[in-house]
C-alpha atoms as a PDB file:
ATOM      1  CA  MET A   1      83.584  69.757 126.256  1.00  0.00           C
ATOM      2  CA  ALA A   2      79.913  70.618 126.478  1.00  0.00           C
ATOM      3  CA  VAL A   3      79.497  70.161 122.731  1.00  0.00           C
ATOM      4  CA  GLY A   4      81.017  66.687 122.955  1.00  0.00           C
ATOM      5  CA  VAL A   5      78.775  65.716 125.843  1.00  0.00           C
ATOM      6  CA  GLY A   6      75.765  67.056 123.929  1.00  0.00           C
ATOM      7  CA  ILE A   7      76.633  65.077 120.809  1.00  0.00           C
ATOM      8  CA  GLY A   8      77.203  61.960 122.902  1.00  0.00           C
ATOM      9  CA  LEU A   9      73.899  62.456 124.671  1.00  0.00           C
ATOM     10  CA  ALA A  10      72.050  62.762 121.361  1.00  0.00           C
ATOM     11  CA  ALA A  11      73.812  59.688 119.957  1.00  0.00           C
ATOM     12  CA  SER A  12      73.088  57.615 123.054  1.00  0.00           C
ATOM     13  CA  LEU A  13      69.425  58.588 123.021  1.00  0.00           C
ATOM     14  CA  ALA A  14      69.265  57.628 119.346  1.00  0.00           C
ATOM     15  CA  ALA A  15      70.882  54.258 120.093  1.00  0.00           C
ATOM     16  CA  ALA A  16      68.724  53.565 123.175  1.00  0.00           C
ATOM     17  CA  PRO A  17      66.125  51.406 121.381  1.00  0.00           C
ATOM     18  CA  TYR A  18      68.874  49.138 120.046  1.00  0.00           C
ATOM     19  CA  ILE A  19      70.507  48.688 123.437  1.00  0.00           C
ATOM     20  CA  GLU A  20      67.287  48.120 125.388  1.00  0.00           C
ATOM     21  CA  PRO A  21      67.353  44.290 125.029  1.00  0.00           C
ATOM     22  CA  LEU A  22      70.786  44.235 126.682  1.00  0.00           C
ATOM     23  CA  LEU A  23      69.709  46.154 129.794  1.00  0.00           C
ATOM     24  CA  PHE A  24      68.174  44.496 132.830  1.00  0.00           C
ATOM     25  CA  GLY A  25      66.496  46.475 135.574  1.00  0.00           C
ATOM     26  CA  ILE A  26      67.179  49.908 134.099  1.00  0.00           C
ATOM     27  CA  SER A  27      65.548  52.031 131.447  1.00  0.00           C
ATOM     28  CA  PRO A  28      67.684  52.917 128.401  1.00  0.00           C
ATOM     29  CA  THR A  29      66.796  56.569 128.975  1.00  0.00           C
ATOM     30  CA  ASP A  30      67.404  56.689 132.744  1.00  0.00           C
ATOM     31  CA  PRO A  31      68.109  60.361 133.534  1.00  0.00           C
ATOM     32  CA  SER A  32      70.263  59.671 136.596  1.00  0.00           C
ATOM     33  CA  THR A  33      72.595  57.476 134.544  1.00  0.00           C
ATOM     34  CA  TYR A  34      72.925  60.131 131.860  1.00  0.00           C
ATOM     35  CA  LEU A  35      73.641  62.810 134.487  1.00  0.00           C
ATOM     36  CA  ALA A  36      76.242  60.676 136.257  1.00  0.00           C
ATOM     37  CA  VAL A  37      78.078  59.814 133.056  1.00  0.00           C
ATOM     38  CA  ALA A  38      77.982  63.402 131.782  1.00  0.00           C
ATOM     39  CA  ALA A  39      79.299  64.697 135.109  1.00  0.00           C
ATOM     40  CA  ALA A  40      82.097  62.122 135.154  1.00  0.00           C
ATOM     41  CA  LEU A  41      83.151  62.933 131.588  1.00  0.00           C
ATOM     42  CA  LEU A  42      83.106  66.682 132.199  1.00  0.00           C
ATOM     43  CA  THR A  43      85.124  66.257 135.410  1.00  0.00           C
ATOM     44  CA  VAL A  44      87.798  64.204 133.651  1.00  0.00           C
ATOM     45  CA  ALA A  45      87.928  66.657 130.742  1.00  0.00           C
ATOM     46  CA  ILE A  46      88.350  69.648 133.058  1.00  0.00           C
ATOM     47  CA  VAL A  47      91.047  67.928 135.105  1.00  0.00           C
ATOM     48  CA  ALA A  48      92.885  66.992 131.897  1.00  0.00           C
ATOM     49  CA  ALA A  49      92.578  70.520 130.486  1.00  0.00           C
ATOM     50  CA  LEU A  50      94.236  72.226 133.462  1.00  0.00           C
ATOM     51  CA  PRO A  51      97.823  71.142 132.648  1.00  0.00           C
ATOM     52  CA  ALA A  52      97.277  71.999 128.984  1.00  0.00           C
ATOM     53  CA  TRP A  53      96.106  75.479 129.950  1.00  0.00           C
ATOM     54  CA  ARG A  54      99.153  75.977 132.168  1.00  0.00           C
ATOM     55  CA  ALA A  55     101.454  74.809 129.367  1.00  0.00           C
ATOM     56  CA  SER A  56      99.884  77.249 126.946  1.00  0.00           C
ATOM     57  CA  GLN A  57     100.875  80.140 129.232  1.00  0.00           C
ATOM     58  CA  VAL A  58     104.605  79.383 128.881  1.00  0.00           C
ATOM     59  CA  ASP A  59     106.613  81.247 126.261  1.00  0.00           C
ATOM     60  CA  PRO A  60     107.797  78.635 123.709  1.00  0.00           C
ATOM     61  CA  ARG A  61     111.221  80.257 123.377  1.00  0.00           C
ATOM     62  CA  GLU A  62     111.825  80.025 127.127  1.00  0.00           C
ATOM     63  CA  ALA A  63     110.633  76.402 127.190  1.00  0.00           C
ATOM     64  CA  LEU A  64     113.028  75.442 124.391  1.00  0.00           C
ATOM     65  CA  GLN A  65     115.980  77.261 125.956  1.00  0.00           C
ATOM     66  CA  ALA A  66     115.392  75.641 129.365  1.00  0.00           C
ATOM     67  CA  ASP A  67     116.995  72.403 128.198  1.00  0.00           C
END
């Protein structure tokens, strides 16, 4: 998750000069925006990973025989 956020951060900083004409009233490298988006993405990724982690703890044979 952190690697993905890091790659996205680098890509967005590289694309910032191209997006600057589309932004009004905010800098293309506004740190608070980058922090808010990174925190939101990490929160969603962690919440989505919890059920996957729980499912990985189940024995596949027991899961298939439960039906």
